[in-house]
Amino acid sequence: MSMDLLTKNYNYELPQEFIATTPVHPRDHAKLLVYDRKTDSITHTTFKHLLEFIPKECDIFLNDTRVIKARIFGHKRSMNPENNENPQGGGKVELLFNKPLDALHYLVLIRGKVQIGMELHFDDDLVATVIEFNEDGSRIVSFTHHGKSIRFEELVLVLDDIGHIPLPPYMKREDNAEDETDYQTLFAKNAGAVAAPTASLHFTPELFEAMQQRHKTHKVTLHVGAGTFKPVEAEEILDHPMHSEYFDIPETSAKVLESDRPLLAIGTTVTRTLEYYVRTQKTQGECDLFLNPSNPPRRVTHLLTNFHLPKSTLIMLVSAFIGREKTLHLYKEAIEKKYRFFSYGDAMLIL
């Protein structure tokens, strides 16, 4: 079997102190590792010099999803033996919203033991009723607000009032007021993500404006789900059940994909969205594409991304561009140069 198909071969050792728990300020002072495949050369610079490396004739794609305050805390409604409500309530519970399944049903993760039919009560009279358990540990719930069923666009507004920014677990800290800005891109528009498209977090308004002056930029939407943090547990990577995420590609963006212009994808979420379109011609729906060395990109020519978790689908996606061994070599060099890793960490540009 190919070494590229074994999950264990995407592992690397990362000292704890290299995991970024806060971003650098200004945003564009983050480090940038530039790898040029044509010359097999590495350049170490900072993000504010990004435009010096992007080829002149290159269109740029960005993800305009907006992170919602998807993490909420409440309590379970206890029931007495006669099945009457106990006004004192039950134990504490934490719910992480993932995505809507239809107009009134939602996929969530719940910390705390629950049962089908149980009500979970949150601030502002928001109530979740547990409807179904999934084998992967996720749950299906419905929500009411002040006693009435609530649709996604209304739920987002309630979560904005009572919820918390869902920082990745590896940050090992609670969210704060700064995260409401730091963990959101400058161009965030369409609410629905539970994780930020982190490669875009490095842009300052000035750098973003300069990029738009030099390059044609296009937007797509992919609502990053909680599955993005799910580690690959299967021994062979192709046995990993890939999560799906809602995406939407405007007609103007799709037309560019039908051209032969070089494309820079700002982030893995953009890459997956564009490559899913190339394979399916779908401009809207659920994207479950798993890019890896056995399924390399067909249309995206350049990638800007952060440094990702060991044995994750994201490091496998990077390997789809430059190979597993080269990816691990670049990660080793980044560690030697004291780069900061993961969501609030530094960036890498693959040319």
Protein backbone atom coordinates (compact mmCIF):
# COMPACT_ATOMS: atom_id res chain seq x y z
CA MET A 1 0.00 0.00 0.00
CA SER A 2 1.12 3.56 -0.75
CA MET A 3 2.61 5.39 2.22
CA ASP A 4 0.31 8.30 1.30
CA LEU A 5 -2.78 6.28 2.20
CA LEU A 6 -1.80 5.59 5.81
CA THR A 7 -3.04 8.10 8.37
CA LYS A 8 -0.02 7.62 10.65
CA ASN A 9 2.23 9.04 7.93
CA TYR A 10 0.63 12.48 8.28
CA ASN A 11 1.74 12.86 11.88
CA TYR A 12 4.32 15.34 13.16
CA GLU A 13 5.45 16.53 16.57
CA LEU A 14 4.44 20.07 17.49
CA PRO A 15 5.60 21.67 20.75
CA GLN A 16 2.62 23.03 22.70
CA GLU A 17 4.04 26.56 22.72
CA PHE A 18 3.73 26.78 18.92
CA ILE A 19 -0.08 26.53 19.04
CA ALA A 20 -1.36 30.08 18.59
CA THR A 21 -4.14 30.98 21.04
CA THR A 22 -4.34 34.64 19.98
CA PRO A 23 -3.54 36.35 16.66
CA VAL A 24 -0.72 38.75 16.02
CA HIS A 25 -1.56 42.44 15.63
CA PRO A 26 -1.62 43.96 13.09
CA ARG A 27 -3.01 40.91 11.30
CA ASP A 28 -0.60 41.12 8.38
CA HIS A 29 2.46 40.85 10.66
CA ALA A 30 1.98 37.09 10.74
CA LYS A 31 4.79 35.06 9.23
CA LEU A 32 4.41 33.74 5.68
CA LEU A 33 6.24 30.74 4.25
CA VAL A 34 6.24 30.83 0.44
CA TYR A 35 6.92 27.59 -1.40
CA ASP A 36 7.52 27.79 -5.17
CA ARG A 37 7.01 24.39 -6.80
CA LYS A 38 8.72 25.38 -10.06
CA THR A 39 12.00 26.22 -8.37
CA ASP A 40 11.50 24.04 -5.28
CA SER A 41 12.43 27.08 -3.21
CA ILE A 42 11.28 28.35 0.19
CA THR A 43 11.05 32.01 1.18
CA HIS A 44 10.37 33.23 4.72
CA THR A 45 8.63 36.59 4.91
CA THR A 46 5.58 38.22 6.50
CA PHE A 47 1.99 38.34 5.30
CA LYS A 48 2.10 42.04 4.46
CA HIS A 49 4.41 41.09 1.53
CA LEU A 50 1.89 38.59 0.11
CA LEU A 51 1.17 40.57 -3.06
CA GLU A 52 4.84 40.49 -4.04
CA PHE A 53 4.56 36.74 -4.60
CA ILE A 54 1.14 36.23 -6.20
CA PRO A 55 1.50 35.90 -10.01
CA LYS A 56 0.18 38.96 -11.82
CA GLU A 57 -2.24 37.03 -14.01
CA CYS A 58 -4.14 35.29 -11.26
CA ASP A 59 -7.75 35.46 -10.05
CA ILE A 60 -8.34 35.13 -6.31
CA PHE A 61 -11.20 33.33 -4.57
CA LEU A 62 -12.36 33.99 -0.99
CA ASN A 63 -14.93 32.47 1.37
CA ASP A 64 -17.45 35.05 2.62
CA THR A 65 -19.01 32.86 5.31
CA ARG A 66 -19.61 34.47 8.71
CA VAL A 67 -18.89 32.66 11.98
CA ILE A 68 -21.93 32.53 14.25
CA LYS A 69 -21.91 32.37 18.05
CA ALA A 70 -22.63 28.68 17.87
CA ARG A 71 -21.72 27.68 21.45
CA ILE A 72 -24.46 28.04 24.07
CA PHE A 73 -24.78 26.97 27.70
CA GLY A 74 -27.95 25.96 29.48
CA HIS A 75 -29.57 23.22 31.54
CA LYS A 76 -31.58 20.07 30.99
CA ARG A 77 -35.19 20.04 32.08
CA SER A 78 -35.51 17.29 34.67
CA MET A 79 -38.64 15.18 34.81
CA ASN A 80 -40.16 13.62 37.92
CA PRO A 81 -41.44 10.02 37.94
CA GLU A 82 -44.91 11.20 36.88
CA ASN A 83 -43.24 12.84 33.87
CA ASN A 84 -44.07 16.33 35.10
CA GLU A 85 -41.55 19.11 34.74
CA ASN A 86 -39.35 19.93 37.67
CA PRO A 87 -39.15 23.74 37.82
CA GLN A 88 -35.68 23.48 39.37
CA GLY A 89 -34.29 22.16 36.08
CA GLY A 90 -31.65 19.50 35.51
CA GLY A 91 -27.93 19.35 34.99
CA LYS A 92 -25.87 21.75 32.96
CA VAL A 93 -25.49 21.25 29.24
CA GLU A 94 -23.39 22.74 26.44
CA LEU A 95 -24.62 22.78 22.84
CA LEU A 96 -22.56 23.49 19.74
CA PHE A 97 -24.70 24.35 16.73
CA ASN A 98 -23.37 22.74 13.54
CA LYS A 99 -25.81 23.36 10.67
CA PRO A 100 -29.49 23.38 9.67
CA LEU A 101 -30.79 20.17 8.10
CA ASP A 102 -34.08 21.65 6.90
CA ALA A 103 -36.34 24.53 7.89
CA LEU A 104 -36.84 23.34 11.47
CA HIS A 105 -34.24 20.65 12.25
CA TYR A 106 -30.62 21.22 13.18
CA LEU A 107 -27.46 19.17 13.57
CA VAL A 108 -25.66 19.88 16.84
CA LEU A 109 -23.08 18.50 19.25
CA ILE A 110 -24.09 18.26 22.91
CA ARG A 111 -21.83 17.97 25.94
CA GLY A 112 -23.81 16.39 28.73
CA LYS A 113 -25.93 13.24 28.82
CA VAL A 114 -29.28 13.68 27.07
CA GLN A 115 -32.19 11.54 25.97
CA ILE A 116 -34.51 11.68 22.99
CA GLY A 117 -37.40 13.99 23.82
CA MET A 118 -35.43 15.91 26.44
CA GLU A 119 -35.70 19.69 26.50
CA LEU A 120 -32.58 21.85 26.85
CA HIS A 121 -33.21 25.36 28.11
CA PHE A 122 -31.01 28.36 27.30
CA ASP A 123 -31.09 32.12 27.88
CA ASP A 124 -33.77 34.28 26.22
CA ASP A 125 -36.27 31.39 26.39
CA LEU A 126 -34.50 29.40 23.66
CA VAL A 127 -35.34 25.70 23.98
CA ALA A 128 -33.85 22.77 22.07
CA THR A 129 -35.69 19.46 21.95
CA VAL A 130 -33.57 16.37 21.27
CA ILE A 131 -35.10 14.44 18.36
CA GLU A 132 -32.52 11.92 17.17
CA PHE A 133 -29.06 10.50 17.91
CA ASN A 134 -26.50 9.92 15.13
CA GLU A 135 -23.80 7.24 15.22
CA ASP A 136 -21.03 9.85 14.89
CA GLY A 137 -22.05 11.43 18.21
CA SER A 138 -23.98 14.35 16.73
CA ARG A 139 -27.62 15.03 17.63
CA ILE A 140 -30.64 16.35 15.75
CA VAL A 141 -32.74 18.95 17.58
CA SER A 142 -35.51 21.44 16.95
CA PHE A 143 -35.55 24.91 18.51
CA THR A 144 -38.32 27.09 19.88
CA HIS A 145 -37.99 30.72 20.93
CA HIS A 146 -40.60 32.06 23.33
CA GLY A 147 -42.63 28.94 22.60
CA LYS A 148 -42.62 29.26 18.81
CA SER A 149 -40.66 27.22 16.24
CA ILE A 150 -37.73 29.16 14.87
CA ARG A 151 -36.06 29.13 11.46
CA PHE A 152 -32.32 29.40 10.88
CA GLU A 153 -32.22 33.10 9.98
CA GLU A 154 -34.05 33.89 13.24
CA LEU A 155 -31.97 31.44 15.27
CA VAL A 156 -28.74 33.15 14.18
CA LEU A 157 -29.96 36.43 15.69
CA VAL A 158 -30.75 34.73 19.00
CA LEU A 159 -27.35 33.00 19.03
CA ASP A 160 -25.67 36.36 18.39
CA ASP A 161 -27.27 37.60 21.62
CA ILE A 162 -26.73 34.62 23.92
CA GLY A 163 -23.97 32.54 22.32
CA HIS A 164 -20.19 32.35 22.34
CA ILE A 165 -17.64 32.28 19.52
CA PRO A 166 -16.80 28.58 19.05
CA LEU A 167 -13.03 28.68 19.34
CA PRO A 168 -11.25 25.44 18.33
CA PRO A 169 -10.75 23.02 21.24
CA TYR A 170 -6.94 23.11 20.98
CA MET A 171 -6.87 26.77 22.07
CA LYS A 172 -7.90 25.56 25.53
CA ARG A 173 -9.44 28.85 26.58
CA GLU A 174 -12.81 30.58 26.66
CA ASP A 175 -13.71 33.16 24.03
CA ASN A 176 -13.48 36.86 24.82
CA ALA A 177 -14.65 40.15 23.31
CA GLU A 178 -11.58 40.39 21.04
CA ASP A 179 -12.44 37.06 19.40
CA GLU A 180 -15.65 38.54 18.00
CA THR A 181 -13.44 40.57 15.66
CA ASP A 182 -10.28 38.47 15.52
CA TYR A 183 -12.09 35.24 14.56
CA GLN A 184 -14.02 36.88 11.72
CA THR A 185 -12.80 37.84 8.25
CA LEU A 186 -13.03 41.43 6.99
CA PHE A 187 -15.51 40.34 4.31
CA ALA A 188 -17.64 37.94 6.38
CA LYS A 189 -21.20 38.19 5.10
CA ASN A 190 -23.27 34.99 5.03
CA ALA A 191 -23.90 33.61 8.52
CA GLY A 192 -23.52 29.89 9.06
CA ALA A 193 -19.94 28.84 9.89
CA VAL A 194 -18.85 27.43 13.25
CA ALA A 195 -15.18 27.90 12.37
CA ALA A 196 -13.45 30.71 10.52
CA PRO A 197 -11.82 30.33 7.09
CA THR A 198 -8.58 31.12 8.86
CA ALA A 199 -6.27 31.86 5.93
CA SER A 200 -8.32 35.02 5.40
CA LEU A 201 -7.83 36.27 8.97
CA HIS A 202 -4.43 37.78 8.08
CA PHE A 203 -5.78 40.56 5.87
CA THR A 204 -5.82 44.15 7.03
CA PRO A 205 -8.19 46.58 5.28
CA GLU A 206 -5.23 48.18 3.52
CA LEU A 207 -3.77 44.90 2.25
CA PHE A 208 -7.18 43.63 1.17
CA GLU A 209 -7.84 46.83 -0.78
CA ALA A 210 -4.44 46.62 -2.45
CA MET A 211 -5.13 43.02 -3.47
CA GLN A 212 -8.47 43.97 -4.99
CA GLN A 213 -6.76 46.73 -6.99
CA ARG A 214 -4.23 44.27 -8.42
CA HIS A 215 -6.29 41.12 -8.88
CA LYS A 216 -9.82 40.11 -9.80
CA THR A 217 -11.36 38.70 -6.64
CA HIS A 218 -14.38 36.43 -6.38
CA LYS A 219 -16.48 35.16 -3.49
CA VAL A 220 -17.92 31.76 -2.70
CA THR A 221 -19.65 30.61 0.48
CA LEU A 222 -18.83 27.46 2.40
CA HIS A 223 -20.16 27.24 5.93
CA VAL A 224 -17.32 25.60 7.82
CA GLY A 225 -18.72 22.93 10.12
CA ALA A 226 -17.54 21.29 13.32
CA GLY A 227 -16.38 18.33 11.25
CA THR A 228 -13.37 20.35 10.11
CA PHE A 229 -11.76 19.57 13.51
CA LYS A 230 -12.63 15.87 13.44
CA PRO A 231 -9.37 13.90 13.32
CA VAL A 232 -8.86 11.08 10.86
CA GLU A 233 -9.18 8.00 13.05
CA ALA A 234 -9.24 5.37 10.31
CA GLU A 235 -5.98 3.55 9.68
CA GLU A 236 -6.27 4.27 5.96
CA ILE A 237 -7.23 7.81 4.97
CA LEU A 238 -9.72 6.74 2.30
CA ASP A 239 -11.80 5.00 4.99
CA HIS A 240 -12.41 8.34 6.71
CA PRO A 241 -16.10 9.41 6.55
CA MET A 242 -15.75 12.93 5.18
CA HIS A 243 -18.06 15.55 6.68
CA SER A 244 -20.23 17.69 4.40
CA GLU A 245 -20.70 21.46 4.49
CA TYR A 246 -23.17 23.75 2.75
CA PHE A 247 -21.75 25.78 -0.15
CA ASP A 248 -22.95 28.33 -2.68
CA ILE A 249 -21.10 29.59 -5.75
CA PRO A 250 -22.44 32.73 -7.49
CA GLU A 251 -22.88 32.47 -11.25
CA THR A 252 -20.15 35.07 -11.86
CA SER A 253 -17.68 32.99 -9.85
CA ALA A 254 -18.65 29.77 -11.63
CA LYS A 255 -17.90 31.38 -15.01
CA VAL A 256 -14.33 32.06 -13.91
CA LEU A 257 -13.94 28.39 -13.03
CA GLU A 258 -14.84 27.52 -16.62
CA SER A 259 -11.95 29.68 -17.88
CA ASP A 260 -8.27 28.76 -17.96
CA ARG A 261 -7.09 31.62 -15.75
CA PRO A 262 -4.71 30.73 -12.89
CA LEU A 263 -6.54 30.65 -9.56
CA LEU A 264 -5.40 31.34 -6.02
CA ALA A 265 -7.67 29.83 -3.37
CA ILE A 266 -7.52 31.68 -0.06
CA GLY A 267 -7.85 28.70 2.24
CA THR A 268 -8.77 25.04 2.24
CA THR A 269 -12.51 25.80 2.38
CA VAL A 270 -12.33 27.73 -0.88
CA THR A 271 -10.22 24.98 -2.44
CA ARG A 272 -12.73 22.27 -1.59
CA THR A 273 -15.63 24.37 -2.89
CA LEU A 274 -13.99 25.13 -6.24
CA GLU A 275 -12.79 21.58 -6.74
CA TYR A 276 -16.22 20.19 -5.88
CA TYR A 277 -17.75 22.38 -8.59
CA VAL A 278 -15.17 21.18 -11.14
CA ARG A 279 -16.14 17.58 -10.40
CA THR A 280 -19.93 17.99 -10.16
CA GLN A 281 -20.88 21.29 -11.87
CA LYS A 282 -23.04 22.02 -8.83
CA THR A 283 -23.17 25.62 -7.61
CA GLN A 284 -25.07 24.92 -4.39
CA GLY A 285 -25.53 22.05 -1.98
CA GLU A 286 -23.41 19.95 0.37
CA CYS A 287 -19.69 19.61 -0.31
CA ASP A 288 -18.05 16.44 1.00
CA LEU A 289 -14.93 16.44 -1.18
CA PHE A 290 -11.80 14.89 0.35
CA LEU A 291 -8.67 16.15 -1.39
CA ASN A 292 -5.53 14.12 -0.73
CA PRO A 293 -2.54 12.82 -2.74
CA SER A 294 -4.75 10.21 -4.43
CA ASN A 295 -7.32 12.91 -5.32
CA PRO A 296 -5.31 16.04 -6.23
CA PRO A 297 -6.72 19.42 -7.32
CA ARG A 298 -7.79 19.80 -10.95
CA ARG A 299 -8.44 23.54 -11.18
CA VAL A 300 -6.90 25.48 -8.27
CA THR A 301 -3.34 26.42 -9.19
CA HIS A 302 -2.18 28.22 -6.02
CA LEU A 303 -3.10 27.87 -2.35
CA LEU A 304 -2.83 30.16 0.65
CA THR A 305 -3.41 28.35 3.92
CA ASN A 306 -2.46 28.12 7.59
CA PHE A 307 -0.58 25.25 9.23
CA HIS A 308 -2.88 22.39 10.18
CA LEU A 309 -3.34 19.67 12.79
CA PRO A 310 -1.43 16.40 12.47
CA LYS A 311 -3.37 13.58 10.79
CA SER A 312 -6.14 15.97 9.72
CA THR A 313 -7.95 16.12 6.39
CA LEU A 314 -6.51 19.62 6.00
CA ILE A 315 -2.85 18.57 6.07
CA MET A 316 -3.86 15.86 3.59
CA LEU A 317 -5.37 18.55 1.36
CA VAL A 318 -2.07 20.46 1.40
CA SER A 319 -0.33 17.19 0.52
CA ALA A 320 -2.62 16.91 -2.51
CA PHE A 321 -0.84 20.00 -3.90
CA ILE A 322 2.79 19.29 -3.07
CA GLY A 323 3.00 15.70 -1.81
CA ARG A 324 3.09 14.32 1.71
CA GLU A 325 6.87 14.30 2.13
CA LYS A 326 7.27 17.89 0.95
CA THR A 327 4.42 19.00 3.21
CA LEU A 328 6.03 17.43 6.26
CA HIS A 329 9.39 18.92 5.27
CA LEU A 330 7.86 22.41 5.12
CA TYR A 331 6.12 21.88 8.45
CA LYS A 332 9.41 20.81 10.02
CA GLU A 333 11.11 23.94 8.70
CA ALA A 334 8.23 26.11 9.98
CA ILE A 335 8.69 24.63 13.45
CA GLU A 336 12.45 25.27 13.28
CA LYS A 337 11.71 28.89 12.31
CA LYS A 338 9.24 29.18 15.21
CA TYR A 339 6.10 29.69 13.13
CA ARG A 340 2.78 29.76 15.00
CA PHE A 341 0.33 26.99 14.08
CA PHE A 342 -3.42 26.44 13.54
CA SER A 343 -6.33 28.91 13.38
CA TYR A 344 -4.64 32.01 14.84
CA GLY A 345 -1.24 31.02 13.50
CA ASP A 346 0.95 31.91 10.53
CA ALA A 347 0.41 31.20 6.84
CA MET A 348 1.87 29.34 3.86
CA LEU A 349 1.58 30.23 0.18
CA ILE A 350 1.99 27.45 -2.36
CA LEU A 351 2.85 28.65 -5.87
